[in-house]
């Protein structure tokens, strides 16, 4: 008899809902449909997203059905900014998203903002590969470990329950996702 694979998306939702100590700057989204509609100001476009969580800034982390045949749980994960930008894909799968979360939502936001500004003014803004050195990336992880009491417990859950390892090259994960999927910011403008 074949054993059924655990639903990591559901498991994470339950973990996020039931965690007794903060493990990252992410919270469950209350009234996700309304939040998506308000953020995007377009009910048709809002149907292309399914919220996963909300960063402390009010920005949403969500699945994006960039291909109508894609199941949400297999869709890329995006950042929908409460500030207007950056709006971007940053993980090609939910597991990739989980592998990035130990670095914190601040890391994801900072990298995506850097991509956005570098694309707008490459002569003024260094490329993410120049700005995010190995030491700088490691500092995000260290900051989250010291800032969130539940971080170590989350890392254990990630490894044991989700069977996901922390991304060893998180910038590469984000860069590959950006290159592999349509430009979310452009999609939102049309």
Protein backbone atom coordinates (compact mmCIF):
# COMPACT_ATOMS: atom_id res chain seq x y z
CA UNK A 1 0.00 0.00 0.00
CA UNK A 2 1.36 3.39 -0.99
CA UNK A 3 1.53 5.96 1.78
CA UNK A 4 -0.17 9.30 1.07
CA UNK A 5 2.17 12.30 0.94
CA UNK A 6 1.44 14.90 3.62
CA UNK A 7 -0.11 18.16 2.46
CA UNK A 8 2.70 20.57 3.35
CA UNK A 9 0.57 23.63 2.53
CA UNK A 10 -2.11 22.53 4.97
CA UNK A 11 0.48 21.53 7.57
CA UNK A 12 2.13 24.96 7.33
CA UNK A 13 -1.23 26.72 7.63
CA UNK A 14 -1.92 24.76 10.81
CA UNK A 15 1.59 25.46 12.11
CA UNK A 16 1.20 29.19 11.43
CA UNK A 17 -2.21 29.24 13.10
CA UNK A 18 -1.17 27.23 16.16
CA UNK A 19 2.41 28.36 16.80
CA UNK A 20 2.77 29.62 20.35
CA UNK A 21 5.89 31.67 19.61
CA UNK A 22 6.61 33.86 16.60
CA UNK A 23 9.07 32.20 14.23
CA UNK A 24 9.14 34.82 11.43
CA UNK A 25 7.45 38.06 10.43
CA UNK A 26 4.39 36.31 9.02
CA UNK A 27 0.86 35.99 10.29
CA UNK A 28 -2.28 34.27 9.08
CA UNK A 29 -4.43 36.48 6.81
CA UNK A 30 -7.83 37.37 8.18
CA UNK A 31 -10.46 37.67 5.43
CA UNK A 32 -7.97 36.88 2.68
CA UNK A 33 -10.36 37.48 -0.23
CA UNK A 34 -11.21 40.98 0.96
CA UNK A 35 -7.53 41.73 1.63
CA UNK A 36 -6.58 40.58 -1.89
CA UNK A 37 -9.37 42.62 -3.45
CA UNK A 38 -8.40 45.76 -1.48
CA UNK A 39 -4.71 45.33 -2.24
CA UNK A 40 -5.21 44.73 -5.96
CA UNK A 41 -8.36 46.84 -6.42
CA UNK A 42 -9.47 44.30 -9.04
CA UNK A 43 -11.71 41.36 -8.15
CA UNK A 44 -10.93 39.54 -11.41
CA UNK A 45 -7.17 39.65 -10.82
CA UNK A 46 -7.64 38.78 -7.15
CA UNK A 47 -9.03 35.37 -8.23
CA UNK A 48 -5.57 34.48 -9.57
CA UNK A 49 -4.13 34.52 -6.03
CA UNK A 50 -4.51 32.50 -2.85
CA UNK A 51 -3.04 34.09 0.27
CA UNK A 52 -0.54 32.10 2.32
CA UNK A 53 0.32 34.70 4.94
CA UNK A 54 0.78 38.36 5.67
CA UNK A 55 4.02 40.15 6.51
CA UNK A 56 4.00 42.71 9.31
CA UNK A 57 3.93 45.49 6.72
CA UNK A 58 0.58 44.27 5.40
CA UNK A 59 2.08 42.82 2.25
CA UNK A 60 0.75 39.41 1.24
CA UNK A 61 2.60 36.25 0.38
CA UNK A 62 0.41 34.27 -1.99
CA UNK A 63 0.19 31.57 -4.59
CA UNK A 64 -0.26 32.98 -8.11
CA UNK A 65 -1.99 31.02 -10.81
CA UNK A 66 0.11 32.42 -13.63
CA UNK A 67 -1.19 29.52 -15.72
CA UNK A 68 -4.91 28.82 -15.46
CA UNK A 69 -4.34 25.04 -15.55
CA UNK A 70 -2.08 25.16 -12.49
CA UNK A 71 -3.40 24.04 -9.12
CA UNK A 72 -2.77 26.71 -6.50
CA UNK A 73 -0.63 24.35 -4.43
CA UNK A 74 1.70 23.92 -7.43
CA UNK A 75 1.74 27.61 -8.36
CA UNK A 76 4.65 29.99 -7.80
CA UNK A 77 4.73 32.07 -4.62
CA UNK A 78 4.65 35.87 -4.90
CA UNK A 79 5.04 39.02 -2.85
CA UNK A 80 2.09 41.41 -3.20
CA UNK A 81 3.24 44.66 -1.69
CA UNK A 82 1.01 46.82 0.47
CA UNK A 83 3.20 49.74 -0.65
CA UNK A 84 2.77 49.28 -4.42
CA UNK A 85 6.11 47.60 -5.05
CA UNK A 86 7.80 45.21 -5.21
CA UNK A 87 5.25 42.82 -6.67
CA UNK A 88 7.14 39.77 -7.80
CA UNK A 89 7.43 36.02 -7.94
CA UNK A 90 10.13 34.89 -5.51
CA UNK A 91 9.70 31.10 -5.24
CA UNK A 92 8.73 28.58 -7.91
CA UNK A 93 7.08 26.28 -5.37
CA UNK A 94 5.72 26.25 -1.86
CA UNK A 95 8.72 24.19 -0.73
CA UNK A 96 11.08 26.85 -2.10
CA UNK A 97 9.12 29.48 -0.19
CA UNK A 98 9.49 27.46 3.01
CA UNK A 99 13.24 27.13 2.36
CA UNK A 100 13.49 30.95 2.22
CA UNK A 101 11.29 31.77 5.22
CA UNK A 102 14.03 31.19 7.84
CA UNK A 103 15.82 34.24 6.37
CA UNK A 104 12.69 36.27 7.09
CA UNK A 105 10.21 38.27 5.10
CA UNK A 106 12.53 41.27 5.45
CA UNK A 107 15.14 39.42 3.41
CA UNK A 108 12.62 38.55 0.71
CA UNK A 109 11.37 42.15 0.60
CA UNK A 110 14.88 43.59 0.49
CA UNK A 111 15.97 41.30 -2.35
CA UNK A 112 12.81 41.97 -4.38
CA UNK A 113 13.14 45.73 -3.80
CA UNK A 114 16.74 45.56 -4.95
CA UNK A 115 15.71 43.71 -8.12
CA UNK A 116 13.00 46.34 -8.72
CA UNK A 117 15.31 49.33 -8.25
CA UNK A 118 18.17 47.72 -10.17
CA UNK A 119 15.82 47.08 -13.09
CA UNK A 120 14.69 50.74 -12.99
CA UNK A 121 18.18 52.25 -12.63
CA UNK A 122 20.99 49.72 -13.10
CA UNK A 123 23.60 52.48 -13.04
CA UNK A 124 22.43 53.66 -9.59
CA UNK A 125 21.46 50.42 -7.87
CA UNK A 126 23.88 47.50 -7.63
CA UNK A 127 22.72 44.10 -8.85
CA UNK A 128 21.41 41.82 -6.11
CA UNK A 129 24.43 39.53 -6.56
CA UNK A 130 26.69 42.48 -5.69
CA UNK A 131 24.62 43.80 -2.81
CA UNK A 132 23.71 40.52 -1.10
CA UNK A 133 27.02 38.97 -0.18
CA UNK A 134 27.19 35.65 1.64
CA UNK A 135 27.90 37.51 4.89
CA UNK A 136 24.93 39.84 4.42
CA UNK A 137 22.60 36.93 3.65
CA UNK A 138 23.83 35.06 6.72
CA UNK A 139 23.14 38.17 8.83
CA UNK A 140 19.43 37.95 7.95
CA UNK A 141 19.31 34.37 9.19
CA UNK A 142 21.18 35.27 12.40
CA UNK A 143 18.84 38.23 12.97
CA UNK A 144 15.78 36.02 12.68
CA UNK A 145 17.26 33.40 14.98
CA UNK A 146 17.82 36.03 17.67
CA UNK A 147 14.61 37.99 17.06
CA UNK A 148 12.04 35.19 17.05
CA UNK A 149 11.73 32.82 19.99
CA UNK A 150 10.02 30.20 17.84
CA UNK A 151 12.64 30.21 15.06
CA UNK A 152 14.53 27.11 16.26
CA UNK A 153 11.26 25.19 16.67
CA UNK A 154 10.25 26.25 13.15
CA UNK A 155 13.56 24.98 11.74
CA UNK A 156 12.90 21.62 13.41
CA UNK A 157 9.35 21.52 11.98
CA UNK A 158 10.68 22.49 8.56
CA UNK A 159 13.19 19.63 8.56
CA UNK A 160 11.17 16.92 10.29
CA UNK A 161 7.58 17.58 9.19
CA UNK A 162 7.84 19.49 5.91
CA UNK A 163 11.08 17.72 4.92
CA UNK A 164 12.43 21.01 3.58
CA UNK A 165 15.96 22.28 4.16
CA UNK A 166 16.88 25.92 4.56
CA UNK A 167 18.01 27.31 1.20
CA UNK A 168 21.81 27.34 1.09
CA UNK A 169 21.73 29.86 -1.78
CA UNK A 170 18.53 31.86 -1.20
CA UNK A 171 19.42 34.57 -3.71
CA UNK A 172 19.68 31.90 -6.42
CA UNK A 173 16.24 30.53 -5.49
CA UNK A 174 14.69 33.99 -5.86
CA UNK A 175 16.59 34.82 -9.06
CA UNK A 176 15.58 31.54 -10.75
CA UNK A 177 11.94 32.10 -9.81
CA UNK A 178 11.98 35.64 -11.21
CA UNK A 179 13.54 34.45 -14.45
CA UNK A 180 11.32 31.37 -14.84
CA UNK A 181 7.91 33.01 -14.34
CA UNK A 182 6.09 35.93 -15.97
CA UNK A 183 6.71 39.42 -14.60
CA UNK A 184 4.04 39.84 -11.92
CA UNK A 185 4.33 43.63 -11.80
CA UNK A 186 3.71 43.87 -15.55
CA UNK A 187 0.83 41.37 -15.30
CA UNK A 188 -0.82 43.48 -12.58
CA UNK A 189 -0.63 46.62 -14.75
CA UNK A 190 -2.59 45.04 -17.63
